[in-house]
Amino acid sequence: IAQLTPPPTFAEVSFASYRPDPAEPTQSVAVGACQQFCRQAVERRAGRKKLFGRREVLPGVGLYLDGGFGVGKTHLLAAAYHHLPDDAVHPKAFATFMELTQLAGVFGFVECIELLGHYTLLCIDEFELNDPGNTTLIARLLSQLVERGVSVAATSNTLPEQLGEGRFAAQDFLREINTLAAIF
């Protein structure tokens, strides 16, 4: 779990080091959305006060960054990871979609929830619904993590409404796809 960090290429990136293309205004909007997402992730994890000073953790939030190759999605995802403090109060993880599915396979579904359930942020690079098993697994995993207050940010080359399209019978997994859509 401790090894789930951005790749070395993105070890030193930040929102300030991202250079949006002036011809693509959505890239500048994405920077602001990522910064807002980070603020919300920390606030949601901190929760709200209840009786006797106890805190209730709120469900996490989601962010989905889509676009073509080379537009800076992974840079922004890694910048979000680095934006949160490196401390025990705000644990965070950065994994590719395949690493996350392998993590659930190695540790088991329940143990994976227990391992990541106290995290503030889970970053998923290269999110892709490429088969029915992964779609079902990730939908259940992310919905349970979000319920526990984990905020999830993901990058993909696929537009959200096209996830799973042409790879498997996505129409048979609309419940799972809609669960993921609600998160992001």
N, C-alpha and C. Protein backbone atom coordinates (compact mmCIF):
# COMPACT_ATOMS: atom_id res chain seq x y z
N ILE A 1 0.84 -1.19 0.00
CA ILE A 1 0.00 0.00 0.00
C ILE A 1 0.88 1.25 0.00
N ALA A 2 1.95 1.22 0.77
CA ALA A 2 2.84 2.38 0.86
C ALA A 2 3.48 2.71 -0.48
N GLN A 3 3.55 1.75 -1.39
CA GLN A 3 4.16 1.97 -2.70
C GLN A 3 3.20 2.60 -3.70
N LEU A 4 1.96 2.82 -3.30
CA LEU A 4 0.97 3.40 -4.21
C LEU A 4 1.14 4.92 -4.23
N THR A 5 2.12 5.35 -5.00
CA THR A 5 2.45 6.76 -5.16
C THR A 5 2.57 7.07 -6.66
N PRO A 6 2.57 8.33 -7.03
CA PRO A 6 2.72 8.66 -8.45
C PRO A 6 4.05 8.14 -9.00
N PRO A 7 4.09 7.84 -10.29
CA PRO A 7 5.35 7.39 -10.90
C PRO A 7 6.42 8.48 -10.81
N PRO A 8 7.69 8.09 -10.87
CA PRO A 8 8.79 9.06 -10.74
C PRO A 8 8.68 10.28 -11.66
N THR A 9 8.14 10.09 -12.85
CA THR A 9 7.98 11.21 -13.78
C THR A 9 7.13 12.33 -13.18
N PHE A 10 6.22 11.96 -12.28
CA PHE A 10 5.30 12.92 -11.69
C PHE A 10 5.56 13.14 -10.20
N ALA A 11 6.78 12.87 -9.76
CA ALA A 11 7.12 12.97 -8.34
C ALA A 11 7.15 14.41 -7.83
N GLU A 12 7.39 15.35 -8.69
CA GLU A 12 7.55 16.75 -8.26
C GLU A 12 6.52 17.70 -8.86
N VAL A 13 5.46 17.19 -9.43
CA VAL A 13 4.49 18.07 -10.10
C VAL A 13 3.57 18.75 -9.09
N SER A 14 2.98 19.85 -9.55
CA SER A 14 2.02 20.60 -8.74
C SER A 14 1.01 21.24 -9.68
N PHE A 15 0.00 21.86 -9.08
CA PHE A 15 -0.95 22.60 -9.92
C PHE A 15 -0.25 23.77 -10.59
N ALA A 16 0.71 24.40 -9.90
CA ALA A 16 1.44 25.55 -10.45
C ALA A 16 2.32 25.15 -11.63
N SER A 17 2.80 23.91 -11.65
CA SER A 17 3.68 23.49 -12.75
C SER A 17 2.91 22.98 -13.97
N TYR A 18 1.60 22.88 -13.86
CA TYR A 18 0.78 22.48 -15.00
C TYR A 18 0.61 23.67 -15.94
N ARG A 19 0.82 23.48 -17.20
CA ARG A 19 0.70 24.55 -18.20
C ARG A 19 -0.47 24.24 -19.14
N PRO A 20 -1.65 24.79 -18.83
CA PRO A 20 -2.80 24.53 -19.71
C PRO A 20 -2.60 25.16 -21.09
N ASP A 21 -3.10 24.51 -22.09
CA ASP A 21 -3.06 25.02 -23.46
C ASP A 21 -4.08 26.15 -23.57
N PRO A 22 -3.66 27.37 -23.91
CA PRO A 22 -4.61 28.49 -24.02
C PRO A 22 -5.73 28.23 -25.04
N ALA A 23 -5.47 27.37 -26.01
CA ALA A 23 -6.48 27.05 -27.02
C ALA A 23 -7.51 26.04 -26.49
N GLU A 24 -7.26 25.48 -25.31
CA GLU A 24 -8.18 24.50 -24.70
C GLU A 24 -8.61 25.01 -23.32
N PRO A 25 -9.63 25.87 -23.26
CA PRO A 25 -10.03 26.47 -21.98
C PRO A 25 -10.45 25.45 -20.91
N THR A 26 -10.86 24.25 -21.31
CA THR A 26 -11.26 23.26 -20.33
C THR A 26 -10.07 22.81 -19.47
N GLN A 27 -8.86 22.98 -19.97
CA GLN A 27 -7.69 22.59 -19.19
C GLN A 27 -7.51 23.51 -17.98
N SER A 28 -7.74 24.79 -18.15
CA SER A 28 -7.68 25.72 -17.01
C SER A 28 -8.80 25.44 -16.03
N VAL A 29 -9.97 25.11 -16.55
CA VAL A 29 -11.10 24.77 -15.70
C VAL A 29 -10.77 23.52 -14.89
N ALA A 30 -10.08 22.58 -15.50
CA ALA A 30 -9.71 21.33 -14.81
C ALA A 30 -8.80 21.60 -13.63
N VAL A 31 -7.89 22.55 -13.75
CA VAL A 31 -7.00 22.89 -12.63
C VAL A 31 -7.83 23.38 -11.45
N GLY A 32 -8.74 24.29 -11.69
CA GLY A 32 -9.61 24.79 -10.63
C GLY A 32 -10.48 23.70 -10.03
N ALA A 33 -10.99 22.82 -10.87
CA ALA A 33 -11.81 21.71 -10.38
C ALA A 33 -10.99 20.77 -9.49
N CYS A 34 -9.74 20.54 -9.86
CA CYS A 34 -8.87 19.69 -9.04
C CYS A 34 -8.57 20.33 -7.69
N GLN A 35 -8.32 21.62 -7.69
CA GLN A 35 -8.05 22.32 -6.42
C GLN A 35 -9.28 22.29 -5.52
N GLN A 36 -10.45 22.54 -6.10
CA GLN A 36 -11.71 22.47 -5.35
C GLN A 36 -11.93 21.06 -4.81
N PHE A 37 -11.68 20.05 -5.64
CA PHE A 37 -11.82 18.66 -5.23
C PHE A 37 -10.94 18.36 -4.01
N CYS A 38 -9.70 18.82 -4.01
CA CYS A 38 -8.79 18.59 -2.88
C CYS A 38 -9.33 19.22 -1.60
N ARG A 39 -9.83 20.44 -1.71
CA ARG A 39 -10.42 21.11 -0.53
C ARG A 39 -11.60 20.30 0.00
N GLN A 40 -12.47 19.87 -0.91
CA GLN A 40 -13.64 19.10 -0.50
C GLN A 40 -13.24 17.76 0.11
N ALA A 41 -12.23 17.12 -0.45
CA ALA A 41 -11.80 15.82 0.08
C ALA A 41 -11.36 15.94 1.53
N VAL A 42 -10.59 16.98 1.83
CA VAL A 42 -10.12 17.19 3.21
C VAL A 42 -11.30 17.53 4.12
N GLU A 43 -12.19 18.40 3.65
CA GLU A 43 -13.36 18.79 4.45
C GLU A 43 -14.27 17.59 4.72
N ARG A 44 -14.50 16.76 3.71
CA ARG A 44 -15.39 15.61 3.87
C ARG A 44 -14.79 14.61 4.85
N ARG A 45 -13.48 14.40 4.76
CA ARG A 45 -12.83 13.46 5.67
C ARG A 45 -12.88 13.98 7.10
N ALA A 46 -12.71 15.30 7.27
CA ALA A 46 -12.78 15.89 8.62
C ALA A 46 -14.18 15.74 9.20
N GLY A 47 -15.18 15.73 8.33
CA GLY A 47 -16.56 15.51 8.78
C GLY A 47 -17.17 16.72 9.44
N ARG A 48 -18.25 16.45 10.11
CA ARG A 48 -18.94 17.52 10.83
C ARG A 48 -19.09 17.10 12.29
N LYS A 49 -19.17 18.11 13.12
CA LYS A 49 -19.29 17.85 14.55
C LYS A 49 -20.66 17.30 14.90
N LYS A 50 -20.62 16.36 15.81
CA LYS A 50 -21.86 15.80 16.34
C LYS A 50 -21.90 16.13 17.83
N LEU A 51 -22.83 15.55 18.51
CA LEU A 51 -22.93 15.75 19.96
C LEU A 51 -21.65 15.33 20.67
N PHE A 52 -21.35 16.00 21.74
CA PHE A 52 -20.21 15.69 22.59
C PHE A 52 -18.87 15.82 21.86
N GLY A 53 -18.81 16.65 20.82
CA GLY A 53 -17.55 16.93 20.12
C GLY A 53 -17.08 15.84 19.18
N ARG A 54 -17.84 14.77 19.05
CA ARG A 54 -17.45 13.71 18.11
C ARG A 54 -17.68 14.19 16.68
N ARG A 55 -16.99 13.55 15.76
CA ARG A 55 -17.11 13.92 14.36
C ARG A 55 -17.71 12.78 13.55
N GLU A 56 -18.53 13.16 12.59
CA GLU A 56 -19.11 12.19 11.67
C GLU A 56 -18.45 12.42 10.30
N VAL A 57 -17.77 11.39 9.80
CA VAL A 57 -17.15 11.47 8.49
C VAL A 57 -18.25 11.51 7.43
N LEU A 58 -18.09 12.39 6.47
CA LEU A 58 -19.06 12.52 5.38
C LEU A 58 -18.60 11.68 4.19
N PRO A 59 -19.50 11.27 3.33
CA PRO A 59 -19.08 10.52 2.14
C PRO A 59 -18.09 11.33 1.31
N GLY A 60 -17.16 10.62 0.69
CA GLY A 60 -16.16 11.28 -0.15
C GLY A 60 -16.79 11.84 -1.42
N VAL A 61 -15.99 12.57 -2.16
CA VAL A 61 -16.42 13.15 -3.44
C VAL A 61 -15.60 12.51 -4.56
N GLY A 62 -16.03 12.73 -5.79
CA GLY A 62 -15.34 12.16 -6.93
C GLY A 62 -14.98 13.20 -7.97
N LEU A 63 -13.93 12.90 -8.72
CA LEU A 63 -13.48 13.76 -9.82
C LEU A 63 -13.03 12.85 -10.96
N TYR A 64 -13.49 13.13 -12.17
CA TYR A 64 -13.16 12.33 -13.35
C TYR A 64 -12.55 13.25 -14.39
N LEU A 65 -11.29 13.02 -14.73
CA LEU A 65 -10.59 13.82 -15.73
C LEU A 65 -10.45 12.99 -17.00
N ASP A 66 -11.10 13.42 -18.08
CA ASP A 66 -10.98 12.68 -19.33
C ASP A 66 -10.39 13.57 -20.40
N GLY A 67 -9.81 12.94 -21.39
CA GLY A 67 -9.21 13.68 -22.51
C GLY A 67 -8.26 12.77 -23.25
N GLY A 68 -7.72 13.28 -24.33
CA GLY A 68 -6.81 12.52 -25.16
C GLY A 68 -5.45 12.32 -24.51
N PHE A 69 -4.58 11.64 -25.23
CA PHE A 69 -3.23 11.39 -24.74
C PHE A 69 -2.43 12.69 -24.70
N GLY A 70 -1.66 12.86 -23.63
CA GLY A 70 -0.73 13.98 -23.56
C GLY A 70 -1.30 15.33 -23.18
N VAL A 71 -2.52 15.39 -22.66
CA VAL A 71 -3.10 16.68 -22.30
C VAL A 71 -2.84 17.06 -20.84
N GLY A 72 -2.26 16.15 -20.06
CA GLY A 72 -1.90 16.49 -18.69
C GLY A 72 -2.80 15.92 -17.61
N LYS A 73 -3.60 14.91 -17.94
CA LYS A 73 -4.49 14.33 -16.93
C LYS A 73 -3.71 13.73 -15.76
N THR A 74 -2.68 12.95 -16.06
CA THR A 74 -1.89 12.33 -15.00
C THR A 74 -1.15 13.38 -14.19
N HIS A 75 -0.69 14.43 -14.84
CA HIS A 75 -0.03 15.54 -14.14
C HIS A 75 -0.99 16.12 -13.09
N LEU A 76 -2.22 16.39 -13.50
CA LEU A 76 -3.20 16.96 -12.56
C LEU A 76 -3.56 15.98 -11.45
N LEU A 77 -3.66 14.70 -11.79
CA LEU A 77 -3.97 13.68 -10.78
C LEU A 77 -2.84 13.61 -9.75
N ALA A 78 -1.60 13.60 -10.23
CA ALA A 78 -0.46 13.57 -9.31
C ALA A 78 -0.37 14.87 -8.52
N ALA A 79 -0.72 15.99 -9.13
CA ALA A 79 -0.72 17.27 -8.40
C ALA A 79 -1.74 17.24 -7.27
N ALA A 80 -2.89 16.62 -7.51
CA ALA A 80 -3.90 16.48 -6.45
C ALA A 80 -3.34 15.62 -5.32
N TYR A 81 -2.67 14.54 -5.67
CA TYR A 81 -2.04 13.67 -4.66
C TYR A 81 -1.04 14.46 -3.83
N HIS A 82 -0.17 15.22 -4.49
CA HIS A 82 0.87 15.99 -3.79
C HIS A 82 0.29 17.17 -3.02
N HIS A 83 -0.87 17.65 -3.43
CA HIS A 83 -1.47 18.82 -2.78
C HIS A 83 -1.90 18.51 -1.34
N LEU A 84 -2.36 17.28 -1.11
CA LEU A 84 -2.72 16.90 0.25
C LEU A 84 -1.47 16.72 1.09
N PRO A 85 -1.53 17.07 2.36
CA PRO A 85 -0.35 16.93 3.21
C PRO A 85 0.10 15.47 3.32
N ASP A 86 1.40 15.29 3.51
CA ASP A 86 1.95 13.96 3.76
C ASP A 86 1.95 13.70 5.25
N ASP A 87 0.83 13.26 5.76
CA ASP A 87 0.75 12.99 7.20
C ASP A 87 -0.24 11.86 7.45
N ALA A 88 -0.25 11.39 8.66
CA ALA A 88 -1.12 10.27 9.03
C ALA A 88 -2.60 10.67 9.04
N VAL A 89 -2.87 11.96 9.13
CA VAL A 89 -4.26 12.43 9.15
C VAL A 89 -4.90 12.33 7.77
N HIS A 90 -4.09 12.48 6.72
CA HIS A 90 -4.60 12.48 5.35
C HIS A 90 -3.91 11.41 4.49
N PRO A 91 -4.06 10.14 4.82
CA PRO A 91 -3.43 9.12 3.98
C PRO A 91 -4.00 9.16 2.57
N LYS A 92 -3.17 8.81 1.62
CA LYS A 92 -3.57 8.89 0.22
C LYS A 92 -2.86 7.80 -0.57
N ALA A 93 -3.44 7.45 -1.70
CA ALA A 93 -2.86 6.43 -2.56
C ALA A 93 -3.04 6.84 -4.02
N PHE A 94 -2.09 6.43 -4.84
CA PHE A 94 -2.11 6.70 -6.28
C PHE A 94 -1.83 5.37 -6.97
N ALA A 95 -2.78 4.89 -7.76
CA ALA A 95 -2.63 3.61 -8.44
C ALA A 95 -3.21 3.69 -9.84
N THR A 96 -2.69 2.85 -10.72
CA THR A 96 -3.37 2.69 -12.00
C THR A 96 -4.60 1.83 -11.76
N PHE A 97 -5.50 1.85 -12.70
CA PHE A 97 -6.71 1.04 -12.60
C PHE A 97 -6.35 -0.43 -12.41
N MET A 98 -5.38 -0.91 -13.18
CA MET A 98 -4.98 -2.32 -13.08
C MET A 98 -4.34 -2.62 -11.73
N GLU A 99 -3.54 -1.70 -11.20
CA GLU A 99 -2.96 -1.92 -9.87
C GLU A 99 -4.05 -2.03 -8.81
N LEU A 100 -5.07 -1.22 -8.94
CA LEU A 100 -6.16 -1.26 -7.96
C LEU A 100 -6.92 -2.57 -8.03
N THR A 101 -7.22 -3.06 -9.22
CA THR A 101 -7.91 -4.34 -9.34
C THR A 101 -7.01 -5.47 -8.84
N GLN A 102 -5.71 -5.39 -9.09
CA GLN A 102 -4.78 -6.40 -8.58
C GLN A 102 -4.70 -6.36 -7.06
N LEU A 103 -4.75 -5.16 -6.49
CA LEU A 103 -4.72 -5.00 -5.04
C LEU A 103 -5.91 -5.74 -4.41
N ALA A 104 -7.07 -5.56 -4.99
CA ALA A 104 -8.26 -6.25 -4.49
C ALA A 104 -8.12 -7.76 -4.66
N GLY A 105 -7.45 -8.18 -5.72
CA GLY A 105 -7.23 -9.61 -5.93
C GLY A 105 -6.25 -10.20 -4.95
N VAL A 106 -5.20 -9.47 -4.62
CA VAL A 106 -4.16 -9.95 -3.70
C VAL A 106 -4.67 -9.98 -2.27
N PHE A 107 -5.27 -8.89 -1.82
CA PHE A 107 -5.70 -8.78 -0.43
C PHE A 107 -7.11 -9.31 -0.20
N GLY A 108 -7.92 -9.34 -1.24
CA GLY A 108 -9.32 -9.69 -1.09
C GLY A 108 -10.13 -8.41 -0.96
N PHE A 109 -11.39 -8.50 -1.33
CA PHE A 109 -12.25 -7.33 -1.37
C PHE A 109 -12.40 -6.68 0.00
N VAL A 110 -12.74 -7.46 1.01
CA VAL A 110 -12.99 -6.91 2.35
C VAL A 110 -11.73 -6.29 2.93
N GLU A 111 -10.61 -6.98 2.78
CA GLU A 111 -9.34 -6.45 3.31
C GLU A 111 -8.95 -5.16 2.58
N CYS A 112 -9.20 -5.10 1.28
CA CYS A 112 -8.90 -3.89 0.50
C CYS A 112 -9.72 -2.71 1.03
N ILE A 113 -10.98 -2.94 1.35
CA ILE A 113 -11.83 -1.89 1.93
C ILE A 113 -11.25 -1.45 3.27
N GLU A 114 -10.83 -2.41 4.09
CA GLU A 114 -10.25 -2.08 5.40
C GLU A 114 -8.94 -1.31 5.25
N LEU A 115 -8.12 -1.69 4.28
CA LEU A 115 -6.84 -1.01 4.08
C LEU A 115 -6.99 0.43 3.61
N LEU A 116 -7.94 0.66 2.71
CA LEU A 116 -8.10 1.98 2.11
C LEU A 116 -9.23 2.81 2.71
N GLY A 117 -10.06 2.22 3.54
CA GLY A 117 -11.26 2.88 4.05
C GLY A 117 -11.02 4.11 4.90
N HIS A 118 -9.83 4.28 5.43
CA HIS A 118 -9.53 5.47 6.26
C HIS A 118 -8.74 6.52 5.48
N TYR A 119 -8.55 6.31 4.19
CA TYR A 119 -7.80 7.25 3.37
C TYR A 119 -8.63 8.49 3.07
N THR A 120 -7.95 9.59 2.85
CA THR A 120 -8.62 10.81 2.42
C THR A 120 -8.79 10.81 0.90
N LEU A 121 -7.77 10.29 0.19
CA LEU A 121 -7.75 10.39 -1.26
C LEU A 121 -7.26 9.11 -1.90
N LEU A 122 -7.97 8.68 -2.95
CA LEU A 122 -7.54 7.59 -3.80
C LEU A 122 -7.52 8.11 -5.23
N CYS A 123 -6.34 8.12 -5.82
CA CYS A 123 -6.16 8.55 -7.21
C CYS A 123 -6.04 7.31 -8.09
N ILE A 124 -6.82 7.27 -9.17
CA ILE A 124 -6.79 6.13 -10.09
C ILE A 124 -6.45 6.64 -11.48
N ASP A 125 -5.29 6.27 -11.97
CA ASP A 125 -4.85 6.66 -13.30
C ASP A 125 -5.28 5.59 -14.30
N GLU A 126 -5.65 6.02 -15.49
CA GLU A 126 -6.01 5.12 -16.59
C GLU A 126 -7.25 4.28 -16.27
N PHE A 127 -8.26 4.94 -15.71
CA PHE A 127 -9.52 4.27 -15.37
C PHE A 127 -10.16 3.74 -16.63
N GLU A 128 -10.53 2.47 -16.62
CA GLU A 128 -11.14 1.88 -17.81
C GLU A 128 -12.01 0.69 -17.41
N LEU A 129 -13.22 0.67 -17.89
CA LEU A 129 -14.10 -0.48 -17.66
C LEU A 129 -13.92 -1.41 -18.84
N ASN A 130 -13.00 -2.37 -18.67
CA ASN A 130 -12.63 -3.21 -19.80
C ASN A 130 -13.19 -4.62 -19.76
N ASP A 131 -13.81 -5.00 -18.66
CA ASP A 131 -14.48 -6.30 -18.63
C ASP A 131 -15.50 -6.32 -17.50
N PRO A 132 -16.44 -7.25 -17.56
CA PRO A 132 -17.52 -7.30 -16.56
C PRO A 132 -17.02 -7.48 -15.12
N GLY A 133 -16.03 -8.33 -14.92
CA GLY A 133 -15.53 -8.58 -13.57
C GLY A 133 -14.95 -7.33 -12.94
N ASN A 134 -14.10 -6.64 -13.68
CA ASN A 134 -13.51 -5.40 -13.16
C ASN A 134 -14.57 -4.33 -12.93
N THR A 135 -15.56 -4.28 -13.80
CA THR A 135 -16.63 -3.28 -13.65
C THR A 135 -17.39 -3.51 -12.36
N THR A 136 -17.75 -4.75 -12.10
CA THR A 136 -18.48 -5.09 -10.87
C THR A 136 -17.62 -4.84 -9.64
N LEU A 137 -16.37 -5.29 -9.68
CA LEU A 137 -15.45 -5.12 -8.56
C LEU A 137 -15.23 -3.65 -8.23
N ILE A 138 -14.90 -2.86 -9.23
CA ILE A 138 -14.59 -1.45 -9.00
C ILE A 138 -15.83 -0.67 -8.56
N ALA A 139 -16.98 -0.98 -9.10
CA ALA A 139 -18.21 -0.29 -8.68
C ALA A 139 -18.46 -0.53 -7.20
N ARG A 140 -18.35 -1.77 -6.76
CA ARG A 140 -18.57 -2.09 -5.34
C ARG A 140 -17.48 -1.48 -4.46
N LEU A 141 -16.24 -1.62 -4.89
CA LEU A 141 -15.11 -1.11 -4.11
C LEU A 141 -15.21 0.40 -3.91
N LEU A 142 -15.38 1.13 -5.01
CA LEU A 142 -15.40 2.59 -4.90
C LEU A 142 -16.63 3.09 -4.16
N SER A 143 -17.79 2.45 -4.36
CA SER A 143 -18.98 2.93 -3.64
C SER A 143 -18.80 2.73 -2.14
N GLN A 144 -18.20 1.62 -1.71
CA GLN A 144 -17.99 1.41 -0.28
C GLN A 144 -16.92 2.34 0.27
N LEU A 145 -15.89 2.61 -0.50
CA LEU A 145 -14.86 3.54 -0.04
C LEU A 145 -15.42 4.96 0.09
N VAL A 146 -16.19 5.39 -0.89
CA VAL A 146 -16.78 6.73 -0.84
C VAL A 146 -17.72 6.85 0.36
N GLU A 147 -18.49 5.81 0.65
CA GLU A 147 -19.36 5.83 1.83
C GLU A 147 -18.56 6.03 3.11
N ARG A 148 -17.33 5.55 3.12
CA ARG A 148 -16.46 5.67 4.31
C ARG A 148 -15.69 6.98 4.34
N GLY A 149 -15.92 7.85 3.36
CA GLY A 149 -15.29 9.16 3.38
C GLY A 149 -14.08 9.30 2.48
N VAL A 150 -13.76 8.28 1.70
CA VAL A 150 -12.62 8.36 0.77
C VAL A 150 -13.07 9.11 -0.48
N SER A 151 -12.31 10.12 -0.87
CA SER A 151 -12.59 10.83 -2.12
C SER A 151 -11.76 10.18 -3.22
N VAL A 152 -12.35 10.10 -4.43
CA VAL A 152 -11.73 9.37 -5.53
C VAL A 152 -11.59 10.28 -6.74
N ALA A 153 -10.37 10.35 -7.26
CA ALA A 153 -10.11 11.08 -8.50
C ALA A 153 -9.57 10.08 -9.52
N ALA A 154 -10.02 10.20 -10.76
CA ALA A 154 -9.60 9.26 -11.79
C ALA A 154 -9.32 9.98 -13.10
N THR A 155 -8.41 9.39 -13.88
CA THR A 155 -8.17 9.87 -15.23
C THR A 155 -8.55 8.77 -16.21
N SER A 156 -8.96 9.18 -17.40
CA SER A 156 -9.30 8.21 -18.44
C SER A 156 -9.21 8.88 -19.81
N ASN A 157 -8.91 8.07 -20.80
CA ASN A 157 -8.95 8.55 -22.18
C ASN A 157 -10.36 8.41 -22.75
N THR A 158 -11.26 7.84 -21.96
CA THR A 158 -12.63 7.56 -22.40
C THR A 158 -13.59 8.55 -21.76
N LEU A 159 -14.47 9.10 -22.56
CA LEU A 159 -15.52 9.96 -22.01
C LEU A 159 -16.39 9.14 -21.07
N PRO A 160 -16.90 9.75 -19.99
CA PRO A 160 -17.65 8.98 -19.00
C PRO A 160 -18.82 8.19 -19.59
N GLU A 161 -19.53 8.78 -20.52
CA GLU A 161 -20.70 8.08 -21.08
C GLU A 161 -20.31 6.96 -22.03
N GLN A 162 -19.02 6.83 -22.33
CA GLN A 162 -18.57 5.77 -23.24
C GLN A 162 -17.80 4.67 -22.54
N LEU A 163 -17.74 4.70 -21.21
CA LEU A 163 -17.02 3.66 -20.48
C LEU A 163 -17.62 2.29 -20.77
N GLY A 164 -16.76 1.34 -21.08
CA GLY A 164 -17.20 -0.03 -21.37
C GLY A 164 -17.70 -0.25 -22.77
N GLU A 165 -17.94 0.83 -23.49
CA GLU A 165 -18.52 0.73 -24.83
C GLU A 165 -17.60 -0.05 -25.77
N GLY A 166 -18.16 -1.04 -26.45
CA GLY A 166 -17.41 -1.80 -27.43
C GLY A 166 -16.45 -2.83 -26.84
N ARG A 167 -16.39 -2.95 -25.53
CA ARG A 167 -15.45 -3.90 -24.92
C ARG A 167 -16.16 -5.12 -24.36
N PHE A 168 -17.35 -4.94 -23.88
CA PHE A 168 -18.16 -6.03 -23.37
C PHE A 168 -19.60 -5.56 -23.40
N ALA A 169 -20.51 -6.38 -22.97
CA ALA A 169 -21.93 -6.04 -23.02
C ALA A 169 -22.25 -5.01 -21.93
N ALA A 170 -21.78 -3.78 -22.13
CA ALA A 170 -21.93 -2.73 -21.12
C ALA A 170 -23.39 -2.51 -20.73
N GLN A 171 -24.29 -2.70 -21.66
CA GLN A 171 -25.71 -2.50 -21.34
C GLN A 171 -26.19 -3.45 -20.24
N ASP A 172 -25.50 -4.58 -20.06
CA ASP A 172 -25.85 -5.53 -19.01
C ASP A 172 -25.29 -5.12 -17.64
N PHE A 173 -24.48 -4.08 -17.63
CA PHE A 173 -23.84 -3.64 -16.40
C PHE A 173 -24.13 -2.16 -16.12
N LEU A 174 -25.30 -1.72 -16.55
CA LEU A 174 -25.66 -0.32 -16.37
C LEU A 174 -25.77 0.07 -14.90
N ARG A 175 -26.22 -0.85 -14.04
CA ARG A 175 -26.30 -0.54 -12.61
C ARG A 175 -24.92 -0.17 -12.08
N GLU A 176 -23.89 -0.97 -12.41
CA GLU A 176 -22.54 -0.71 -11.95
C GLU A 176 -21.98 0.57 -12.57
N ILE A 177 -22.24 0.75 -13.85
CA ILE A 177 -21.75 1.95 -14.55
C ILE A 177 -22.42 3.20 -13.96
N ASN A 178 -23.70 3.11 -13.67
CA ASN A 178 -24.40 4.25 -13.06
C ASN A 178 -23.91 4.52 -11.64
N THR A 179 -23.55 3.47 -10.91
CA THR A 179 -22.97 3.64 -9.57
C THR A 179 -21.68 4.44 -9.68
N LEU A 180 -20.85 4.08 -10.64
CA LEU A 180 -19.58 4.81 -10.84
C LEU A 180 -19.85 6.24 -11.30
N ALA A 181 -20.81 6.41 -12.18
CA ALA A 181 -21.14 7.76 -12.66
C ALA A 181 -21.59 8.66 -11.52
N ALA A 182 -22.33 8.10 -10.57
CA ALA A 182 -22.78 8.89 -9.42
C ALA A 182 -21.61 9.35 -8.56
N ILE A 183 -20.56 8.55 -8.48
CA ILE A 183 -19.37 8.92 -7.71
C ILE A 183 -18.65 10.08 -8.38
N PHE A 184 -18.50 10.00 -9.70
CA PHE A 184 -17.74 11.01 -10.42
C PHE A 184 -18.65 12.14 -10.88
